[in-house]
Amino acid sequence: MNLKETQKLIYLERILKLYVQFLKAYSEVNIEVISKTEGLLLDTKKELDRYGNPVTRNVTIASYFDPTLFVRITYYNPKINIYEFQAIEFPMDDLSKRIDHYKRKLMTAFKNRHK
């Protein structure tokens, strides 16, 4: 991980610390970088049913790939009766897109704070 990615992670953490104050479900957030070598892949299979009609099925299979860095965002310490935590993972390559995404979410939450 280089300096630019570290700066982006710090920036994302600052955005999320502000954003979590507007959430109704969770009161704290944690960001961590993990390395993954396995993931789930959704695949479609075309088969024939017992009457000979074509059927498309969705199948989840485990796929292995080279070690890749992922960012995991974990919301925890619920304010209401809900799941203990919620985690979101995305590849490090999508970090800039996610920063823009969370900036938009923060601006929307800030704009709607008194509704």
PDB file of N, CA and C in Angstrom:
ATOM      1  N   MET A   1       0.850  -1.168   0.000  1.00  0.00           N
ATOM      2  CA  MET A   1       0.000   0.000   0.000  1.00  0.00           C
ATOM      3  C   MET A   1       0.899   1.236   0.000  1.00  0.00           C
ATOM      4  N   ASN A   2       0.649   2.128  -0.913  1.00  0.00           N
ATOM      5  CA  ASN A   2       1.492   3.316  -1.026  1.00  0.00           C
ATOM      6  C   ASN A   2       0.896   4.497  -0.257  1.00  0.00           C
ATOM      7  N   LEU A   3       1.581   5.602  -0.290  1.00  0.00           N
ATOM      8  CA  LEU A   3       1.193   6.781   0.469  1.00  0.00           C
ATOM      9  C   LEU A   3      -0.144   7.345   0.001  1.00  0.00           C
ATOM     10  N   LYS A   4      -0.375   7.350  -1.301  1.00  0.00           N
ATOM     11  CA  LYS A   4      -1.621   7.893  -1.846  1.00  0.00           C
ATOM     12  C   LYS A   4      -2.838   7.086  -1.366  1.00  0.00           C
ATOM     13  N   GLU A   5      -2.703   5.759  -1.360  1.00  0.00           N
ATOM     14  CA  GLU A   5      -3.807   4.920  -0.878  1.00  0.00           C
ATOM     15  C   GLU A   5      -4.038   5.128   0.610  1.00  0.00           C
ATOM     16  N   THR A   6      -2.962   5.300   1.370  1.00  0.00           N
ATOM     17  CA  THR A   6      -3.101   5.559   2.806  1.00  0.00           C
ATOM     18  C   THR A   6      -3.824   6.871   3.046  1.00  0.00           C
ATOM     19  N   GLN A   7      -3.508   7.893   2.270  1.00  0.00           N
ATOM     20  CA  GLN A   7      -4.191   9.180   2.400  1.00  0.00           C
ATOM     21  C   GLN A   7      -5.664   9.059   2.035  1.00  0.00           C
ATOM     22  N   LYS A   8      -5.964   8.280   1.009  1.00  0.00           N
ATOM     23  CA  LYS A   8      -7.360   8.075   0.622  1.00  0.00           C
ATOM     24  C   LYS A   8      -8.128   7.331   1.714  1.00  0.00           C
ATOM     25  N   LEU A   9      -7.489   6.358   2.352  1.00  0.00           N
ATOM     26  CA  LEU A   9      -8.142   5.636   3.445  1.00  0.00           C
ATOM     27  C   LEU A   9      -8.420   6.553   4.635  1.00  0.00           C
ATOM     28  N   ILE A  10      -7.503   7.429   4.940  1.00  0.00           N
ATOM     29  CA  ILE A  10      -7.716   8.387   6.026  1.00  0.00           C
ATOM     30  C   ILE A  10      -8.865   9.323   5.678  1.00  0.00           C
ATOM     31  N   TYR A  11      -8.917   9.759   4.424  1.00  0.00           N
ATOM     32  CA  TYR A  11      -9.998  10.626   3.971  1.00  0.00           C
ATOM     33  C   TYR A  11     -11.351   9.907   4.041  1.00  0.00           C
ATOM     34  N   LEU A  12     -11.379   8.649   3.610  1.00  0.00           N
ATOM     35  CA  LEU A  12     -12.613   7.859   3.695  1.00  0.00           C
ATOM     36  C   LEU A  12     -13.038   7.688   5.147  1.00  0.00           C
ATOM     37  N   GLU A  13     -12.089   7.466   6.027  1.00  0.00           N
ATOM     38  CA  GLU A  13     -12.419   7.307   7.441  1.00  0.00           C
ATOM     39  C   GLU A  13     -13.030   8.579   8.012  1.00  0.00           C
ATOM     40  N   ARG A  14     -12.507   9.723   7.641  1.00  0.00           N
ATOM     41  CA  ARG A  14     -13.071  10.997   8.105  1.00  0.00           C
ATOM     42  C   ARG A  14     -14.493  11.188   7.595  1.00  0.00           C
ATOM     43  N   ILE A  15     -14.720  10.870   6.341  1.00  0.00           N
ATOM     44  CA  ILE A  15     -16.070  10.989   5.772  1.00  0.00           C
ATOM     45  C   ILE A  15     -17.040  10.070   6.514  1.00  0.00           C
ATOM     46  N   LEU A  16     -16.616   8.834   6.757  1.00  0.00           N
ATOM     47  CA  LEU A  16     -17.503   7.872   7.417  1.00  0.00           C
ATOM     48  C   LEU A  16     -17.756   8.223   8.874  1.00  0.00           C
ATOM     49  N   LYS A  17     -16.783   8.810   9.553  1.00  0.00           N
ATOM     50  CA  LYS A  17     -16.995   9.234  10.942  1.00  0.00           C
ATOM     51  C   LYS A  17     -18.062  10.326  11.010  1.00  0.00           C
ATOM     52  N   LEU A  18     -18.091  11.201  10.005  1.00  0.00           N
ATOM     53  CA  LEU A  18     -19.161  12.199   9.946  1.00  0.00           C
ATOM     54  C   LEU A  18     -20.486  11.567   9.543  1.00  0.00           C
ATOM     55  N   TYR A  19     -20.437  10.667   8.567  1.00  0.00           N
ATOM     56  CA  TYR A  19     -21.660  10.048   8.047  1.00  0.00           C
ATOM     57  C   TYR A  19     -22.370   9.216   9.108  1.00  0.00           C
ATOM     58  N   VAL A  20     -21.608   8.537   9.954  1.00  0.00           N
ATOM     59  CA  VAL A  20     -22.222   7.660  10.951  1.00  0.00           C
ATOM     60  C   VAL A  20     -23.024   8.458  11.991  1.00  0.00           C
ATOM     61  N   GLN A  21     -22.741   9.729  12.138  1.00  0.00           N
ATOM     62  CA  GLN A  21     -23.513  10.559  13.064  1.00  0.00           C
ATOM     63  C   GLN A  21     -24.940  10.776  12.570  1.00  0.00           C
ATOM     64  N   PHE A  22     -25.161  10.639  11.261  1.00  0.00           N
ATOM     65  CA  PHE A  22     -26.492  10.821  10.693  1.00  0.00           C
ATOM     66  C   PHE A  22     -27.267   9.510  10.585  1.00  0.00           C
ATOM     67  N   LEU A  23     -26.611   8.368  10.813  1.00  0.00           N
ATOM     68  CA  LEU A  23     -27.275   7.078  10.703  1.00  0.00           C
ATOM     69  C   LEU A  23     -28.231   6.867  11.867  1.00  0.00           C
ATOM     70  N   LYS A  24     -29.334   6.204  11.595  1.00  0.00           N
ATOM     71  CA  LYS A  24     -30.303   5.896  12.635  1.00  0.00           C
ATOM     72  C   LYS A  24     -30.042   4.535  13.273  1.00  0.00           C
ATOM     73  N   ALA A  25     -29.257   3.685  12.604  1.00  0.00           N
ATOM     74  CA  ALA A  25     -29.091   2.324  13.084  1.00  0.00           C
ATOM     75  C   ALA A  25     -27.796   2.093  13.861  1.00  0.00           C
ATOM     76  N   TYR A  26     -26.695   2.692  13.432  1.00  0.00           N
ATOM     77  CA  TYR A  26     -25.398   2.417  14.048  1.00  0.00           C
ATOM     78  C   TYR A  26     -24.738   3.710  14.502  1.00  0.00           C
ATOM     79  N   SER A  27     -23.870   3.580  15.517  1.00  0.00           N
ATOM     80  CA  SER A  27     -23.234   4.782  16.055  1.00  0.00           C
ATOM     81  C   SER A  27     -21.719   4.810  15.877  1.00  0.00           C
ATOM     82  N   GLU A  28     -21.101   3.713  15.434  1.00  0.00           N
ATOM     83  CA  GLU A  28     -19.657   3.697  15.245  1.00  0.00           C
ATOM     84  C   GLU A  28     -19.298   2.977  13.954  1.00  0.00           C
ATOM     85  N   VAL A  29     -18.118   3.303  13.412  1.00  0.00           N
ATOM     86  CA  VAL A  29     -17.664   2.705  12.161  1.00  0.00           C
ATOM     87  C   VAL A  29     -16.178   2.395  12.291  1.00  0.00           C
ATOM     88  N   ASN A  30     -15.751   1.337  11.618  1.00  0.00           N
ATOM     89  CA  ASN A  30     -14.354   0.925  11.607  1.00  0.00           C
ATOM     90  C   ASN A  30     -13.960   0.582  10.175  1.00  0.00           C
ATOM     91  N   ILE A  31     -12.741   0.974   9.786  1.00  0.00           N
ATOM     92  CA  ILE A  31     -12.223   0.673   8.452  1.00  0.00           C
ATOM     93  C   ILE A  31     -10.950  -0.137   8.609  1.00  0.00           C
ATOM     94  N   GLU A  32     -10.847  -1.222   7.834  1.00  0.00           N
ATOM     95  CA  GLU A  32      -9.631  -2.024   7.855  1.00  0.00           C
ATOM     96  C   GLU A  32      -9.337  -2.533   6.451  1.00  0.00           C
ATOM     97  N   VAL A  33      -8.064  -2.803   6.194  1.00  0.00           N
ATOM     98  CA  VAL A  33      -7.617  -3.332   4.913  1.00  0.00           C
ATOM     99  C   VAL A  33      -7.284  -4.806   5.127  1.00  0.00           C
ATOM    100  N   ILE A  34      -7.872  -5.663   4.292  1.00  0.00           N
ATOM    101  CA  ILE A  34      -7.651  -7.103   4.407  1.00  0.00           C
ATOM    102  C   ILE A  34      -7.175  -7.640   3.066  1.00  0.00           C
ATOM    103  N   SER A  35      -6.568  -8.795   3.106  1.00  0.00           N
ATOM    104  CA  SER A  35      -6.119  -9.469   1.891  1.00  0.00           C
ATOM    105  C   SER A  35      -6.954 -10.730   1.725  1.00  0.00           C
ATOM    106  N   LYS A  36      -7.523 -10.902   0.545  1.00  0.00           N
ATOM    107  CA  LYS A  36      -8.369 -12.062   0.282  1.00  0.00           C
ATOM    108  C   LYS A  36      -7.819 -12.857  -0.895  1.00  0.00           C
ATOM    109  N   THR A  37      -7.988 -14.160  -0.822  1.00  0.00           N
ATOM    110  CA  THR A  37      -7.589 -15.040  -1.921  1.00  0.00           C
ATOM    111  C   THR A  37      -8.753 -15.881  -2.410  1.00  0.00           C
ATOM    112  N   GLU A  38      -9.907 -15.751  -1.781  1.00  0.00           N
ATOM    113  CA  GLU A  38     -11.061 -16.559  -2.144  1.00  0.00           C
ATOM    114  C   GLU A  38     -12.304 -15.693  -2.096  1.00  0.00           C
ATOM    115  N   GLY A  39     -13.217 -15.931  -3.005  1.00  0.00           N
ATOM    116  CA  GLY A  39     -14.463 -15.196  -3.030  1.00  0.00           C
ATOM    117  C   GLY A  39     -15.561 -16.025  -3.656  1.00  0.00           C
ATOM    118  N   LEU A  40     -16.783 -15.563  -3.524  1.00  0.00           N
ATOM    119  CA  LEU A  40     -17.925 -16.248  -4.114  1.00  0.00           C
ATOM    120  C   LEU A  40     -18.248 -15.613  -5.454  1.00  0.00           C
ATOM    121  N   LEU A  41     -18.557 -16.456  -6.419  1.00  0.00           N
ATOM    122  CA  LEU A  41     -18.860 -16.006  -7.768  1.00  0.00           C
ATOM    123  C   LEU A  41     -20.223 -16.553  -8.152  1.00  0.00           C
ATOM    124  N   LEU A  42     -21.094 -15.694  -8.662  1.00  0.00           N
ATOM    125  CA  LEU A  42     -22.414 -16.110  -9.101  1.00  0.00           C
ATOM    126  C   LEU A  42     -22.330 -16.512 -10.560  1.00  0.00           C
ATOM    127  N   ASP A  43     -22.736 -17.730 -10.866  1.00  0.00           N
ATOM    128  CA  ASP A  43     -22.656 -18.264 -12.223  1.00  0.00           C
ATOM    129  C   ASP A  43     -24.040 -18.753 -12.625  1.00  0.00           C
ATOM    130  N   THR A  44     -24.335 -18.737 -13.905  1.00  0.00           N
ATOM    131  CA  THR A  44     -25.605 -19.255 -14.401  1.00  0.00           C
ATOM    132  C   THR A  44     -25.347 -20.522 -15.201  1.00  0.00           C
ATOM    133  N   LYS A  45     -26.199 -21.491 -14.983  1.00  0.00           N
ATOM    134  CA  LYS A  45     -26.109 -22.743 -15.724  1.00  0.00           C
ATOM    135  C   LYS A  45     -27.418 -22.968 -16.459  1.00  0.00           C
ATOM    136  N   LYS A  46     -27.283 -23.410 -17.700  1.00  0.00           N
ATOM    137  CA  LYS A  46     -28.472 -23.731 -18.483  1.00  0.00           C
ATOM    138  C   LYS A  46     -28.594 -25.249 -18.523  1.00  0.00           C
ATOM    139  N   GLU A  47     -29.760 -25.717 -18.091  1.00  0.00           N
ATOM    140  CA  GLU A  47     -30.023 -27.150 -18.052  1.00  0.00           C
ATOM    141  C   GLU A  47     -31.404 -27.418 -18.630  1.00  0.00           C
ATOM    142  N   LEU A  48     -31.687 -28.664 -18.775  1.00  0.00           N
ATOM    143  CA  LEU A  48     -33.027 -29.093 -19.176  1.00  0.00           C
ATOM    144  C   LEU A  48     -33.719 -29.689 -17.962  1.00  0.00           C
ATOM    145  N   ASP A  49     -34.993 -29.304 -17.764  1.00  0.00           N
ATOM    146  CA  ASP A  49     -35.728 -29.918 -16.669  1.00  0.00           C
ATOM    147  C   ASP A  49     -36.212 -31.301 -17.088  1.00  0.00           C
ATOM    148  N   ARG A  50     -36.959 -31.943 -16.230  1.00  0.00           N
ATOM    149  CA  ARG A  50     -37.344 -33.329 -16.525  1.00  0.00           C
ATOM    150  C   ARG A  50     -38.332 -33.452 -17.680  1.00  0.00           C
ATOM    151  N   TYR A  51     -38.891 -32.338 -18.124  1.00  0.00           N
ATOM    152  CA  TYR A  51     -39.793 -32.362 -19.273  1.00  0.00           C
ATOM    153  C   TYR A  51     -39.099 -31.951 -20.565  1.00  0.00           C
ATOM    154  N   GLY A  52     -37.821 -31.606 -20.482  1.00  0.00           N
ATOM    155  CA  GLY A  52     -37.060 -31.228 -21.664  1.00  0.00           C
ATOM    156  C   GLY A  52     -37.053 -29.738 -21.963  1.00  0.00           C
ATOM    157  N   ASN A  53     -37.591 -28.920 -21.056  1.00  0.00           N
ATOM    158  CA  ASN A  53     -37.614 -27.472 -21.240  1.00  0.00           C
ATOM    159  C   ASN A  53     -36.310 -26.858 -20.719  1.00  0.00           C
ATOM    160  N   PRO A  54     -35.760 -25.869 -21.430  1.00  0.00           N
ATOM    161  CA  PRO A  54     -34.526 -25.236 -20.939  1.00  0.00           C
ATOM    162  C   PRO A  54     -34.792 -24.393 -19.690  1.00  0.00           C
ATOM    163  N   VAL A  55     -33.936 -24.528 -18.686  1.00  0.00           N
ATOM    164  CA  VAL A  55     -34.057 -23.810 -17.420  1.00  0.00           C
ATOM    165  C   VAL A  55     -32.696 -23.187 -17.099  1.00  0.00           C
ATOM    166  N   THR A  56     -32.719 -21.945 -16.650  1.00  0.00           N
ATOM    167  CA  THR A  56     -31.490 -21.270 -16.239  1.00  0.00           C
ATOM    168  C   THR A  56     -31.464 -21.218 -14.710  1.00  0.00           C
ATOM    169  N   ARG A  57     -30.359 -21.711 -14.123  1.00  0.00           N
ATOM    170  CA  ARG A  57     -30.203 -21.701 -12.670  1.00  0.00           C
ATOM    171  C   ARG A  57     -29.021 -20.826 -12.288  1.00  0.00           C
ATOM    172  N   ASN A  58     -29.158 -20.133 -11.177  1.00  0.00           N
ATOM    173  CA  ASN A  58     -28.039 -19.376 -10.615  1.00  0.00           C
ATOM    174  C   ASN A  58     -27.327 -20.269  -9.609  1.00  0.00           C
ATOM    175  N   VAL A  59     -26.009 -20.368  -9.758  1.00  0.00           N
ATOM    176  CA  VAL A  59     -25.209 -21.218  -8.901  1.00  0.00           C
ATOM    177  C   VAL A  59     -24.085 -20.371  -8.305  1.00  0.00           C
ATOM    178  N   THR A  60     -23.883 -20.497  -7.009  1.00  0.00           N
ATOM    179  CA  THR A  60     -22.793 -19.797  -6.343  1.00  0.00           C
ATOM    180  C   THR A  60     -21.643 -20.761  -6.164  1.00  0.00           C
ATOM    181  N   ILE A  61     -20.468 -20.378  -6.674  1.00  0.00           N
ATOM    182  CA  ILE A  61     -19.301 -21.233  -6.557  1.00  0.00           C
ATOM    183  C   ILE A  61     -18.160 -20.433  -5.923  1.00  0.00           C
ATOM    184  N   ALA A  62     -17.281 -21.138  -5.235  1.00  0.00           N
ATOM    185  CA  ALA A  62     -16.108 -20.489  -4.648  1.00  0.00           C
ATOM    186  C   ALA A  62     -15.038 -20.346  -5.721  1.00  0.00           C
ATOM    187  N   SER A  63     -14.475 -19.186  -5.821  1.00  0.00           N
ATOM    188  CA  SER A  63     -13.417 -18.961  -6.799  1.00  0.00           C
ATOM    189  C   SER A  63     -12.162 -18.498  -6.058  1.00  0.00           C
ATOM    190  N   TYR A  64     -11.020 -18.919  -6.546  1.00  0.00           N
ATOM    191  CA  TYR A  64      -9.739 -18.554  -5.954  1.00  0.00           C
ATOM    192  C   TYR A  64      -9.005 -17.619  -6.900  1.00  0.00           C
ATOM    193  N   PHE A  65      -8.337 -16.617  -6.354  1.00  0.00           N
ATOM    194  CA  PHE A  65      -7.607 -15.659  -7.158  1.00  0.00           C
ATOM    195  C   PHE A  65      -6.358 -15.236  -6.396  1.00  0.00           C
ATOM    196  N   ASP A  66      -5.509 -14.470  -7.060  1.00  0.00           N
ATOM    197  CA  ASP A  66      -4.286 -13.976  -6.424  1.00  0.00           C
ATOM    198  C   ASP A  66      -4.644 -13.103  -5.224  1.00  0.00           C
ATOM    199  N   PRO A  67      -3.771 -13.021  -4.236  1.00  0.00           N
ATOM    200  CA  PRO A  67      -4.071 -12.165  -3.072  1.00  0.00           C
ATOM    201  C   PRO A  67      -4.361 -10.731  -3.508  1.00  0.00           C
ATOM    202  N   THR A  68      -5.507 -10.237  -3.095  1.00  0.00           N
ATOM    203  CA  THR A  68      -5.973  -8.909  -3.469  1.00  0.00           C
ATOM    204  C   THR A  68      -6.341  -8.144  -2.210  1.00  0.00           C
ATOM    205  N   LEU A  69      -6.019  -6.861  -2.169  1.00  0.00           N
ATOM    206  CA  LEU A  69      -6.373  -6.029  -1.021  1.00  0.00           C
ATOM    207  C   LEU A  69      -7.817  -5.567  -1.129  1.00  0.00           C
ATOM    208  N   PHE A  70      -8.539  -5.699  -0.032  1.00  0.00           N
ATOM    209  CA  PHE A  70      -9.919  -5.258   0.072  1.00  0.00           C
ATOM    210  C   PHE A  70     -10.041  -4.315   1.251  1.00  0.00           C
ATOM    211  N   VAL A  71     -10.985  -3.408   1.165  1.00  0.00           N
ATOM    212  CA  VAL A  71     -11.302  -2.510   2.273  1.00  0.00           C
ATOM    213  C   VAL A  71     -12.600  -3.006   2.889  1.00  0.00           C
ATOM    214  N   ARG A  72     -12.593  -3.176   4.205  1.00  0.00           N
ATOM    215  CA  ARG A  72     -13.803  -3.612   4.914  1.00  0.00           C
ATOM    216  C   ARG A  72     -14.264  -2.475   5.814  1.00  0.00           C
ATOM    217  N   ILE A  73     -15.508  -2.046   5.603  1.00  0.00           N
ATOM    218  CA  ILE A  73     -16.132  -1.024   6.441  1.00  0.00           C
ATOM    219  C   ILE A  73     -17.133  -1.751   7.333  1.00  0.00           C
ATOM    220  N   THR A  74     -16.985  -1.585   8.638  1.00  0.00           N
ATOM    221  CA  THR A  74     -17.854  -2.260   9.591  1.00  0.00           C
ATOM    222  C   THR A  74     -18.581  -1.223  10.427  1.00  0.00           C
ATOM    223  N   TYR A  75     -19.902  -1.253  10.363  1.00  0.00           N
ATOM    224  CA  TYR A  75     -20.734  -0.427  11.231  1.00  0.00           C
ATOM    225  C   TYR A  75     -21.091  -1.283  12.442  1.00  0.00           C
ATOM    226  N   TYR A  76     -20.946  -0.719  13.650  1.00  0.00           N
ATOM    227  CA  TYR A  76     -21.263  -1.496  14.851  1.00  0.00           C
ATOM    228  C   TYR A  76     -21.816  -0.568  15.922  1.00  0.00           C
ATOM    229  N   ASN A  77     -22.102  -1.133  17.081  1.00  0.00           N
ATOM    230  CA  ASN A  77     -22.722  -0.435  18.203  1.00  0.00           C
ATOM    231  C   ASN A  77     -24.094   0.112  17.793  1.00  0.00           C
ATOM    232  N   PRO A  78     -25.083  -0.789  17.619  1.00  0.00           N
ATOM    233  CA  PRO A  78     -26.395  -0.361  17.114  1.00  0.00           C
ATOM    234  C   PRO A  78     -27.143   0.535  18.099  1.00  0.00           C
ATOM    235  N   LYS A  79     -27.877   1.483  17.542  1.00  0.00           N
ATOM    236  CA  LYS A  79     -28.702   2.385  18.333  1.00  0.00           C
ATOM    237  C   LYS A  79     -30.095   1.800  18.560  1.00  0.00           C
ATOM    238  N   ILE A  80     -30.536   0.961  17.638  1.00  0.00           N
ATOM    239  CA  ILE A  80     -31.857   0.351  17.717  1.00  0.00           C
ATOM    240  C   ILE A  80     -31.699  -1.163  17.715  1.00  0.00           C
ATOM    241  N   ASN A  81     -32.790  -1.866  17.834  1.00  0.00           N
ATOM    242  CA  ASN A  81     -32.757  -3.317  17.846  1.00  0.00           C
ATOM    243  C   ASN A  81     -32.567  -3.825  16.415  1.00  0.00           C
ATOM    244  N   ILE A  82     -31.318  -4.091  16.059  1.00  0.00           N
ATOM    245  CA  ILE A  82     -30.948  -4.489  14.711  1.00  0.00           C
ATOM    246  C   ILE A  82     -29.739  -5.403  14.828  1.00  0.00           C
ATOM    247  N   TYR A  83     -29.174  -5.809  13.710  1.00  0.00           N
ATOM    248  CA  TYR A  83     -27.998  -6.668  13.732  1.00  0.00           C
ATOM    249  C   TYR A  83     -26.867  -6.039  14.542  1.00  0.00           C
ATOM    250  N   GLU A  84     -26.027  -6.889  15.126  1.00  0.00           N
ATOM    251  CA  GLU A  84     -24.911  -6.422  15.951  1.00  0.00           C
ATOM    252  C   GLU A  84     -23.935  -5.560  15.159  1.00  0.00           C
ATOM    253  N   PHE A  85     -23.696  -5.930  13.894  1.00  0.00           N
ATOM    254  CA  PHE A  85     -22.820  -5.141  13.039  1.00  0.00           C
ATOM    255  C   PHE A  85     -23.210  -5.373  11.582  1.00  0.00           C
ATOM    256  N   GLN A  86     -22.713  -4.515  10.714  1.00  0.00           N
ATOM    257  CA  GLN A  86     -22.914  -4.647   9.277  1.00  0.00           C
ATOM    258  C   GLN A  86     -21.577  -4.350   8.611  1.00  0.00           C
ATOM    259  N   ALA A  87     -21.139  -5.234   7.720  1.00  0.00           N
ATOM    260  CA  ALA A  87     -19.844  -5.061   7.071  1.00  0.00           C
ATOM    261  C   ALA A  87     -20.016  -4.982   5.558  1.00  0.00           C
ATOM    262  N   ILE A  88     -19.226  -4.111   4.943  1.00  0.00           N
ATOM    263  CA  ILE A  88     -19.222  -3.927   3.494  1.00  0.00           C
ATOM    264  C   ILE A  88     -17.774  -4.054   3.040  1.00  0.00           C
ATOM    265  N   GLU A  89     -17.544  -4.851   2.008  1.00  0.00           N
ATOM    266  CA  GLU A  89     -16.193  -5.036   1.481  1.00  0.00           C
ATOM    267  C   GLU A  89     -16.155  -4.632   0.015  1.00  0.00           C
ATOM    268  N   PHE A  90     -15.043  -4.037  -0.389  1.00  0.00           N
ATOM    269  CA  PHE A  90     -14.839  -3.698  -1.791  1.00  0.00           C
ATOM    270  C   PHE A  90     -13.342  -3.707  -2.069  1.00  0.00           C
ATOM    271  N   PRO A  91     -12.952  -3.921  -3.345  1.00  0.00           N
ATOM    272  CA  PRO A  91     -11.528  -3.959  -3.682  1.00  0.00           C
ATOM    273  C   PRO A  91     -10.864  -2.590  -3.532  1.00  0.00           C
ATOM    274  N   MET A  92      -9.586  -2.609  -3.251  1.00  0.00           N
ATOM    275  CA  MET A  92      -8.822  -1.381  -3.081  1.00  0.00           C
ATOM    276  C   MET A  92      -8.815  -0.554  -4.371  1.00  0.00           C
ATOM    277  N   ASP A  93      -8.970  -1.211  -5.519  1.00  0.00           N
ATOM    278  CA  ASP A  93      -8.997  -0.497  -6.802  1.00  0.00           C
ATOM    279  C   ASP A  93     -10.198   0.440  -6.909  1.00  0.00           C
ATOM    280  N   ASP A  94     -11.275   0.155  -6.190  1.00  0.00           N
ATOM    281  CA  ASP A  94     -12.489   0.963  -6.247  1.00  0.00           C
ATOM    282  C   ASP A  94     -12.539   2.038  -5.163  1.00  0.00           C
ATOM    283  N   LEU A  95     -11.427   2.315  -4.526  1.00  0.00           N
ATOM    284  CA  LEU A  95     -11.410   3.239  -3.395  1.00  0.00           C
ATOM    285  C   LEU A  95     -11.862   4.646  -3.789  1.00  0.00           C
ATOM    286  N   SER A  96     -11.417   5.148  -4.914  1.00  0.00           N
ATOM    287  CA  SER A  96     -11.816   6.503  -5.345  1.00  0.00           C
ATOM    288  C   SER A  96     -13.316   6.582  -5.618  1.00  0.00           C
ATOM    289  N   LYS A  97     -13.864   5.539  -6.235  1.00  0.00           N
ATOM    290  CA  LYS A  97     -15.303   5.513  -6.506  1.00  0.00           C
ATOM    291  C   LYS A  97     -16.098   5.485  -5.203  1.00  0.00           C
ATOM    292  N   ARG A  98     -15.610   4.714  -4.230  1.00  0.00           N
ATOM    293  CA  ARG A  98     -16.309   4.624  -2.947  1.00  0.00           C
ATOM    294  C   ARG A  98     -16.216   5.918  -2.155  1.00  0.00           C
ATOM    295  N   ILE A  99     -15.113   6.627  -2.269  1.00  0.00           N
ATOM    296  CA  ILE A  99     -15.008   7.922  -1.598  1.00  0.00           C
ATOM    297  C   ILE A  99     -16.050   8.878  -2.164  1.00  0.00           C
ATOM    298  N   ASP A 100     -16.180   8.922  -3.482  1.00  0.00           N
ATOM    299  CA  ASP A 100     -17.211   9.763  -4.105  1.00  0.00           C
ATOM    300  C   ASP A 100     -18.607   9.330  -3.672  1.00  0.00           C
ATOM    301  N   HIS A 101     -18.815   8.024  -3.605  1.00  0.00           N
ATOM    302  CA  HIS A 101     -20.113   7.477  -3.200  1.00  0.00           C
ATOM    303  C   HIS A 101     -20.477   7.931  -1.781  1.00  0.00           C
ATOM    304  N   TYR A 102     -19.539   7.796  -0.853  1.00  0.00           N
ATOM    305  CA  TYR A 102     -19.824   8.164   0.530  1.00  0.00           C
ATOM    306  C   TYR A 102     -19.878   9.678   0.721  1.00  0.00           C
ATOM    307  N   LYS A 103     -19.180  10.456  -0.095  1.00  0.00           N
ATOM    308  CA  LYS A 103     -19.321  11.907  -0.043  1.00  0.00           C
ATOM    309  C   LYS A 103     -20.738  12.315  -0.440  1.00  0.00           C
ATOM    310  N   ARG A 104     -21.256  11.672  -1.489  1.00  0.00           N
ATOM    311  CA  ARG A 104     -22.643  11.966  -1.905  1.00  0.00           C
ATOM    312  C   ARG A 104     -23.634  11.556  -0.816  1.00  0.00           C
ATOM    313  N   LYS A 105     -23.405  10.398  -0.186  1.00  0.00           N
ATOM    314  CA  LYS A 105     -24.300   9.963   0.886  1.00  0.00           C
ATOM    315  C   LYS A 105     -24.259  10.933   2.069  1.00  0.00           C
ATOM    316  N   LEU A 106     -23.071  11.413   2.398  1.00  0.00           N
ATOM    317  CA  LEU A 106     -22.934  12.366   3.498  1.00  0.00           C
ATOM    318  C   LEU A 106     -23.646  13.670   3.173  1.00  0.00           C
ATOM    319  N   MET A 107     -23.479  14.171   1.965  1.00  0.00           N
ATOM    320  CA  MET A 107     -24.137  15.421   1.580  1.00  0.00           C
ATOM    321  C   MET A 107     -25.659  15.274   1.596  1.00  0.00           C
ATOM    322  N   THR A 108     -26.155  14.135   1.146  1.00  0.00           N
ATOM    323  CA  THR A 108     -27.601  13.895   1.165  1.00  0.00           C
ATOM    324  C   THR A 108     -28.110  13.805   2.594  1.00  0.00           C
ATOM    325  N   ALA A 109     -27.391  13.105   3.456  1.00  0.00           N
ATOM    326  CA  ALA A 109     -27.802  12.987   4.853  1.00  0.00           C
ATOM    327  C   ALA A 109     -27.755  14.347   5.547  1.00  0.00           C
ATOM    328  N   PHE A 110     -26.748  15.156   5.229  1.00  0.00           N
ATOM    329  CA  PHE A 110     -26.644  16.489   5.817  1.00  0.00           C
ATOM    330  C   PHE A 110     -27.783  17.379   5.357  1.00  0.00           C
ATOM    331  N   LYS A 111     -28.141  17.267   4.084  1.00  0.00           N
ATOM    332  CA  LYS A 111     -29.221  18.081   3.536  1.00  0.00           C
ATOM    333  C   LYS A 111     -30.563  17.695   4.145  1.00  0.00           C
ATOM    334  N   ASN A 112     -30.765  16.398   4.418  1.00  0.00           N
ATOM    335  CA  ASN A 112     -32.062  15.907   4.928  1.00  0.00           C
ATOM    336  C   ASN A 112     -32.074  15.749   6.446  1.00  0.00           C
ATOM    337  N   ARG A 113     -31.163  16.347   7.169  1.00  0.00           N
ATOM    338  CA  ARG A 113     -31.041  16.095   8.599  1.00  0.00           C
ATOM    339  C   ARG A 113     -32.216  16.582   9.411  1.00  0.00           C
ATOM    340  N   HIS A 114     -32.952  17.586   8.949  1.00  0.00           N
ATOM    341  CA  HIS A 114     -34.058  18.134   9.721  1.00  0.00           C
ATOM    342  C   HIS A 114     -35.428  17.662   9.234  1.00  0.00           C
ATOM    343  N   LYS A 115     -35.435  16.709   8.326  1.00  0.00           N
ATOM    344  CA  LYS A 115     -36.730  16.215   7.813  1.00  0.00           C
ATOM    345  C   LYS A 115     -37.293  15.155   8.710  1.00  0.00           C
TER     346      LYS A 115
END
